Amino acid sequence: MERMPFVDWSSIPAQELGPGVRIRTPFGERIMLSLVEIDAGAVVPSHSHPHEQAGIVLEGQLELTIAGERKVLKAGEAYIITGGAEHSARSIGGPCRALDVFSPVREDYARGVNAFVGRK
């Protein structure tokens, strides 16, 4: 994917991470955005990665579990996940959208690789 100074979300192909979970991931040299769309009841399975991740819920409700602590977040609420922390997510009561930020860039997402294949 070509790096760009302005983001047109509609021009970025969605990657499907699993049933009902899609991301669009523009990035620079050291930072990556990820617009996450989660259908009602869909799950992002438990996983970890070395990248720091921060995000904000844009629409809907997101049940997020980070290092064993679970919380339901509403639009406008944010989270920070340290590198290596086990985490998972699922939408609650309908679809939800969140904006994640990764540092450094997740090379698997940059290459369009489904990072959850083979994960528990």
N, C-alpha and C. Protein backbone atom coordinates (compact mmCIF):
# COMPACT_ATOMS: atom_id res chain seq x y z
N MET A 1 0.85 -1.18 0.00
CA MET A 1 0.00 0.00 0.00
C MET A 1 0.89 1.24 0.00
N GLU A 2 0.55 2.18 -0.83
CA GLU A 2 1.31 3.42 -0.91
C GLU A 2 1.02 4.29 0.31
N ARG A 3 2.06 4.89 0.87
CA ARG A 3 1.86 5.80 2.00
C ARG A 3 1.31 7.11 1.46
N MET A 4 0.38 7.72 2.22
CA MET A 4 -0.28 8.92 1.74
C MET A 4 -0.44 9.93 2.86
N PRO A 5 -0.34 11.23 2.55
CA PRO A 5 -0.47 12.24 3.60
C PRO A 5 -1.92 12.48 4.04
N PHE A 6 -2.90 12.19 3.18
CA PHE A 6 -4.31 12.36 3.53
C PHE A 6 -5.00 11.03 3.33
N VAL A 7 -5.92 10.72 4.21
CA VAL A 7 -6.55 9.40 4.19
C VAL A 7 -7.96 9.51 3.63
N ASP A 8 -8.21 8.79 2.55
CA ASP A 8 -9.55 8.61 1.99
C ASP A 8 -9.94 7.17 2.31
N TRP A 9 -10.70 7.00 3.40
CA TRP A 9 -11.04 5.65 3.88
C TRP A 9 -11.67 4.80 2.79
N SER A 10 -12.48 5.42 1.93
CA SER A 10 -13.19 4.64 0.91
C SER A 10 -12.25 4.08 -0.16
N SER A 11 -11.05 4.61 -0.25
CA SER A 11 -10.11 4.12 -1.26
C SER A 11 -9.19 3.02 -0.73
N ILE A 12 -9.29 2.72 0.55
CA ILE A 12 -8.43 1.70 1.16
C ILE A 12 -9.19 0.38 1.25
N PRO A 13 -8.68 -0.67 0.60
CA PRO A 13 -9.39 -1.95 0.65
C PRO A 13 -9.47 -2.49 2.08
N ALA A 14 -10.62 -3.04 2.43
CA ALA A 14 -10.78 -3.65 3.75
C ALA A 14 -10.13 -5.03 3.77
N GLN A 15 -9.50 -5.34 4.90
CA GLN A 15 -8.99 -6.69 5.14
C GLN A 15 -9.93 -7.35 6.12
N GLU A 16 -10.32 -8.58 5.86
CA GLU A 16 -11.19 -9.31 6.79
C GLU A 16 -10.31 -10.11 7.73
N LEU A 17 -10.43 -9.81 9.04
CA LEU A 17 -9.64 -10.52 10.03
C LEU A 17 -10.29 -11.82 10.45
N GLY A 18 -11.58 -11.88 10.30
CA GLY A 18 -12.36 -13.04 10.69
C GLY A 18 -13.80 -12.72 10.38
N PRO A 19 -14.71 -13.65 10.65
CA PRO A 19 -16.12 -13.40 10.36
C PRO A 19 -16.63 -12.12 11.04
N GLY A 20 -17.06 -11.16 10.23
CA GLY A 20 -17.65 -9.93 10.76
C GLY A 20 -16.68 -8.90 11.27
N VAL A 21 -15.38 -9.05 11.00
CA VAL A 21 -14.37 -8.09 11.49
C VAL A 21 -13.52 -7.65 10.30
N ARG A 22 -13.56 -6.33 10.02
CA ARG A 22 -12.81 -5.76 8.91
C ARG A 22 -11.96 -4.59 9.38
N ILE A 23 -10.81 -4.40 8.73
CA ILE A 23 -9.95 -3.26 9.05
C ILE A 23 -9.48 -2.59 7.77
N ARG A 24 -9.18 -1.30 7.88
CA ARG A 24 -8.52 -0.52 6.82
C ARG A 24 -7.33 0.14 7.50
N THR A 25 -6.12 -0.01 6.92
CA THR A 25 -4.92 0.32 7.68
C THR A 25 -3.92 1.21 6.92
N PRO A 26 -4.19 2.50 6.82
CA PRO A 26 -3.16 3.39 6.27
C PRO A 26 -2.02 3.53 7.28
N PHE A 27 -0.81 3.79 6.77
CA PHE A 27 0.33 3.86 7.67
C PHE A 27 1.42 4.78 7.12
N GLY A 28 2.28 5.20 8.05
CA GLY A 28 3.47 5.97 7.71
C GLY A 28 4.69 5.13 8.00
N GLU A 29 5.79 5.78 8.34
CA GLU A 29 7.03 5.05 8.62
C GLU A 29 7.01 4.36 9.97
N ARG A 30 6.40 5.00 11.00
CA ARG A 30 6.46 4.46 12.36
C ARG A 30 5.10 4.35 13.04
N ILE A 31 4.03 4.66 12.32
CA ILE A 31 2.71 4.64 12.94
C ILE A 31 1.68 4.13 11.93
N MET A 32 0.66 3.45 12.45
CA MET A 32 -0.39 2.90 11.60
C MET A 32 -1.74 3.18 12.23
N LEU A 33 -2.69 3.62 11.40
CA LEU A 33 -4.08 3.72 11.80
C LEU A 33 -4.80 2.45 11.37
N SER A 34 -5.84 2.08 12.09
CA SER A 34 -6.66 0.93 11.71
C SER A 34 -8.11 1.26 12.04
N LEU A 35 -8.91 1.47 10.99
CA LEU A 35 -10.35 1.65 11.18
C LEU A 35 -10.95 0.26 11.27
N VAL A 36 -11.50 -0.08 12.41
CA VAL A 36 -12.00 -1.42 12.69
C VAL A 36 -13.53 -1.39 12.65
N GLU A 37 -14.11 -2.28 11.85
CA GLU A 37 -15.57 -2.42 11.79
C GLU A 37 -15.91 -3.82 12.27
N ILE A 38 -16.76 -3.90 13.29
CA ILE A 38 -17.12 -5.19 13.88
C ILE A 38 -18.64 -5.33 13.81
N ASP A 39 -19.10 -6.35 13.11
CA ASP A 39 -20.53 -6.61 13.00
C ASP A 39 -21.10 -7.02 14.36
N ALA A 40 -22.41 -6.90 14.51
CA ALA A 40 -23.08 -7.27 15.76
C ALA A 40 -22.70 -8.69 16.16
N GLY A 41 -22.20 -8.84 17.39
CA GLY A 41 -21.85 -10.14 17.94
C GLY A 41 -20.54 -10.73 17.45
N ALA A 42 -19.87 -10.08 16.51
CA ALA A 42 -18.60 -10.61 16.00
C ALA A 42 -17.50 -10.44 17.04
N VAL A 43 -16.48 -11.29 16.93
CA VAL A 43 -15.42 -11.36 17.94
C VAL A 43 -14.05 -11.20 17.29
N VAL A 44 -13.20 -10.42 17.94
CA VAL A 44 -11.77 -10.39 17.63
C VAL A 44 -11.15 -11.33 18.66
N PRO A 45 -10.61 -12.47 18.21
CA PRO A 45 -10.13 -13.47 19.17
C PRO A 45 -8.95 -12.98 20.00
N SER A 46 -8.77 -13.63 21.13
CA SER A 46 -7.68 -13.29 22.03
C SER A 46 -6.34 -13.45 21.30
N HIS A 47 -5.49 -12.43 21.43
CA HIS A 47 -4.19 -12.44 20.76
C HIS A 47 -3.28 -11.42 21.44
N SER A 48 -2.03 -11.43 21.05
CA SER A 48 -1.08 -10.41 21.51
C SER A 48 -0.11 -10.13 20.37
N HIS A 49 0.56 -9.01 20.47
CA HIS A 49 1.58 -8.61 19.50
C HIS A 49 2.52 -7.64 20.20
N PRO A 50 3.72 -7.46 19.68
CA PRO A 50 4.68 -6.58 20.37
C PRO A 50 4.39 -5.09 20.21
N HIS A 51 3.48 -4.73 19.34
CA HIS A 51 3.18 -3.32 19.06
C HIS A 51 2.33 -2.70 20.16
N GLU A 52 2.58 -1.42 20.45
CA GLU A 52 1.66 -0.68 21.31
C GLU A 52 0.42 -0.38 20.48
N GLN A 53 -0.73 -0.38 21.15
CA GLN A 53 -2.00 -0.13 20.46
C GLN A 53 -2.85 0.78 21.34
N ALA A 54 -3.38 1.81 20.74
CA ALA A 54 -4.31 2.69 21.44
C ALA A 54 -5.50 2.88 20.53
N GLY A 55 -6.66 3.14 21.09
CA GLY A 55 -7.83 3.32 20.24
C GLY A 55 -8.95 4.05 20.93
N ILE A 56 -9.96 4.36 20.13
CA ILE A 56 -11.16 5.02 20.60
C ILE A 56 -12.35 4.41 19.88
N VAL A 57 -13.41 4.18 20.62
CA VAL A 57 -14.65 3.68 20.04
C VAL A 57 -15.34 4.86 19.35
N LEU A 58 -15.67 4.68 18.08
CA LEU A 58 -16.33 5.74 17.31
C LEU A 58 -17.84 5.60 17.32
N GLU A 59 -18.32 4.35 17.21
CA GLU A 59 -19.76 4.08 17.17
C GLU A 59 -20.03 2.75 17.86
N GLY A 60 -21.18 2.63 18.49
CA GLY A 60 -21.58 1.37 19.11
C GLY A 60 -20.90 1.14 20.43
N GLN A 61 -20.91 -0.14 20.85
CA GLN A 61 -20.29 -0.54 22.11
C GLN A 61 -19.33 -1.70 21.85
N LEU A 62 -18.20 -1.66 22.53
CA LEU A 62 -17.15 -2.64 22.36
C LEU A 62 -16.80 -3.23 23.71
N GLU A 63 -16.95 -4.56 23.83
CA GLU A 63 -16.48 -5.23 25.03
C GLU A 63 -15.03 -5.60 24.79
N LEU A 64 -14.14 -5.03 25.58
CA LEU A 64 -12.70 -5.20 25.40
C LEU A 64 -12.13 -5.87 26.64
N THR A 65 -11.34 -6.92 26.42
CA THR A 65 -10.64 -7.59 27.51
C THR A 65 -9.15 -7.41 27.27
N ILE A 66 -8.48 -6.81 28.24
CA ILE A 66 -7.03 -6.56 28.15
C ILE A 66 -6.38 -7.16 29.39
N ALA A 67 -5.48 -8.10 29.18
CA ALA A 67 -4.75 -8.75 30.27
C ALA A 67 -5.71 -9.21 31.37
N GLY A 68 -6.83 -9.81 30.96
CA GLY A 68 -7.80 -10.37 31.91
C GLY A 68 -8.82 -9.40 32.45
N GLU A 69 -8.67 -8.11 32.20
CA GLU A 69 -9.64 -7.11 32.68
C GLU A 69 -10.62 -6.78 31.56
N ARG A 70 -11.92 -6.91 31.85
CA ARG A 70 -12.96 -6.73 30.84
C ARG A 70 -13.76 -5.45 31.14
N LYS A 71 -14.06 -4.71 30.07
CA LYS A 71 -14.86 -3.50 30.21
C LYS A 71 -15.63 -3.26 28.92
N VAL A 72 -16.85 -2.75 29.04
CA VAL A 72 -17.64 -2.35 27.88
C VAL A 72 -17.42 -0.86 27.67
N LEU A 73 -16.96 -0.51 26.47
CA LEU A 73 -16.68 0.89 26.12
C LEU A 73 -17.73 1.39 25.15
N LYS A 74 -18.12 2.66 25.32
CA LYS A 74 -19.09 3.32 24.43
C LYS A 74 -18.36 4.35 23.57
N ALA A 75 -19.07 4.87 22.58
CA ALA A 75 -18.50 5.88 21.69
C ALA A 75 -17.84 6.99 22.51
N GLY A 76 -16.62 7.33 22.13
CA GLY A 76 -15.87 8.38 22.81
C GLY A 76 -14.92 7.87 23.87
N GLU A 77 -15.06 6.62 24.28
CA GLU A 77 -14.16 6.06 25.29
C GLU A 77 -12.95 5.41 24.60
N ALA A 78 -11.81 5.47 25.28
CA ALA A 78 -10.55 5.06 24.67
C ALA A 78 -9.83 4.01 25.51
N TYR A 79 -8.80 3.42 24.91
CA TYR A 79 -8.03 2.36 25.56
C TYR A 79 -6.59 2.41 25.06
N ILE A 80 -5.69 1.88 25.90
CA ILE A 80 -4.28 1.74 25.54
C ILE A 80 -3.85 0.33 25.92
N ILE A 81 -3.25 -0.37 24.96
CA ILE A 81 -2.81 -1.75 25.17
C ILE A 81 -1.29 -1.78 25.02
N THR A 82 -0.61 -2.20 26.06
CA THR A 82 0.85 -2.28 25.99
C THR A 82 1.26 -3.45 25.09
N GLY A 83 2.43 -3.33 24.51
CA GLY A 83 2.95 -4.41 23.68
C GLY A 83 3.04 -5.71 24.47
N GLY A 84 2.60 -6.81 23.86
CA GLY A 84 2.66 -8.12 24.51
C GLY A 84 1.46 -8.48 25.34
N ALA A 85 0.55 -7.53 25.62
CA ALA A 85 -0.63 -7.83 26.44
C ALA A 85 -1.66 -8.62 25.64
N GLU A 86 -2.16 -9.69 26.22
CA GLU A 86 -3.22 -10.49 25.61
C GLU A 86 -4.51 -9.68 25.63
N HIS A 87 -5.22 -9.64 24.50
CA HIS A 87 -6.46 -8.87 24.44
C HIS A 87 -7.42 -9.46 23.40
N SER A 88 -8.71 -9.15 23.59
CA SER A 88 -9.76 -9.59 22.68
C SER A 88 -10.87 -8.55 22.71
N ALA A 89 -11.79 -8.66 21.73
CA ALA A 89 -12.88 -7.68 21.66
C ALA A 89 -14.10 -8.32 21.01
N ARG A 90 -15.26 -7.75 21.30
CA ARG A 90 -16.49 -8.13 20.58
C ARG A 90 -17.46 -6.98 20.66
N SER A 91 -18.29 -6.87 19.64
CA SER A 91 -19.31 -5.82 19.64
C SER A 91 -20.45 -6.25 20.55
N ILE A 92 -21.10 -5.27 21.15
CA ILE A 92 -22.21 -5.51 22.08
C ILE A 92 -23.43 -4.77 21.57
N GLY A 93 -24.55 -5.47 21.39
CA GLY A 93 -25.82 -4.84 21.07
C GLY A 93 -25.96 -4.29 19.66
N GLY A 94 -25.02 -4.54 18.80
CA GLY A 94 -25.08 -4.03 17.43
C GLY A 94 -23.69 -3.87 16.87
N PRO A 95 -23.57 -3.37 15.67
CA PRO A 95 -22.23 -3.18 15.09
C PRO A 95 -21.48 -2.07 15.81
N CYS A 96 -20.17 -2.10 15.68
CA CYS A 96 -19.38 -1.00 16.26
C CYS A 96 -18.19 -0.69 15.36
N ARG A 97 -17.68 0.51 15.53
CA ARG A 97 -16.49 0.97 14.80
C ARG A 97 -15.54 1.59 15.81
N ALA A 98 -14.26 1.33 15.60
CA ALA A 98 -13.23 1.91 16.46
C ALA A 98 -12.05 2.32 15.58
N LEU A 99 -11.28 3.25 16.06
CA LEU A 99 -10.06 3.66 15.39
C LEU A 99 -8.89 3.26 16.29
N ASP A 100 -8.04 2.37 15.79
CA ASP A 100 -6.84 1.95 16.52
C ASP A 100 -5.62 2.64 15.92
N VAL A 101 -4.61 2.81 16.76
CA VAL A 101 -3.32 3.35 16.34
C VAL A 101 -2.27 2.36 16.83
N PHE A 102 -1.37 1.95 15.93
CA PHE A 102 -0.29 1.02 16.28
C PHE A 102 1.06 1.69 16.09
N SER A 103 1.97 1.39 17.01
CA SER A 103 3.36 1.80 16.85
C SER A 103 4.24 0.69 17.40
N PRO A 104 5.23 0.25 16.64
CA PRO A 104 5.48 0.60 15.24
C PRO A 104 4.40 0.01 14.33
N VAL A 105 4.56 0.24 13.03
CA VAL A 105 3.64 -0.28 12.02
C VAL A 105 3.57 -1.81 12.13
N ARG A 106 2.36 -2.34 12.06
CA ARG A 106 2.19 -3.79 12.01
C ARG A 106 2.45 -4.25 10.59
N GLU A 107 3.59 -4.87 10.38
CA GLU A 107 3.96 -5.30 9.04
C GLU A 107 3.00 -6.33 8.47
N ASP A 108 2.39 -7.18 9.34
CA ASP A 108 1.42 -8.16 8.84
C ASP A 108 0.23 -7.44 8.22
N TYR A 109 -0.28 -6.41 8.89
CA TYR A 109 -1.40 -5.64 8.33
C TYR A 109 -0.97 -4.88 7.08
N ALA A 110 0.23 -4.32 7.10
CA ALA A 110 0.72 -3.56 5.94
C ALA A 110 0.82 -4.46 4.71
N ARG A 111 1.14 -5.74 4.92
CA ARG A 111 1.22 -6.70 3.82
C ARG A 111 -0.15 -7.32 3.50
N GLY A 112 -1.19 -7.02 4.31
CA GLY A 112 -2.51 -7.57 4.07
C GLY A 112 -2.65 -9.00 4.53
N VAL A 113 -1.85 -9.41 5.50
CA VAL A 113 -1.90 -10.78 6.01
C VAL A 113 -2.89 -10.87 7.16
N ASN A 114 -3.73 -11.92 7.14
CA ASN A 114 -4.68 -12.14 8.22
C ASN A 114 -3.92 -12.62 9.45
N ALA A 115 -3.78 -11.76 10.43
CA ALA A 115 -2.97 -12.04 11.60
C ALA A 115 -3.60 -13.07 12.53
N PHE A 116 -4.89 -13.38 12.36
CA PHE A 116 -5.58 -14.27 13.31
C PHE A 116 -5.67 -15.71 12.85
N VAL A 117 -5.19 -16.01 11.65
CA VAL A 117 -5.23 -17.39 11.18
C VAL A 117 -4.35 -18.23 12.12
N GLY A 118 -4.90 -19.31 12.62
CA GLY A 118 -4.13 -20.19 13.49
C GLY A 118 -4.04 -19.73 14.93
N ARG A 119 -4.66 -18.61 15.26
CA ARG A 119 -4.65 -18.15 16.66
C ARG A 119 -5.74 -18.83 17.42
N LYS A 120 -5.58 -18.90 18.76
CA LYS A 120 -6.62 -19.51 19.58
C LYS A 120 -7.81 -18.60 19.71
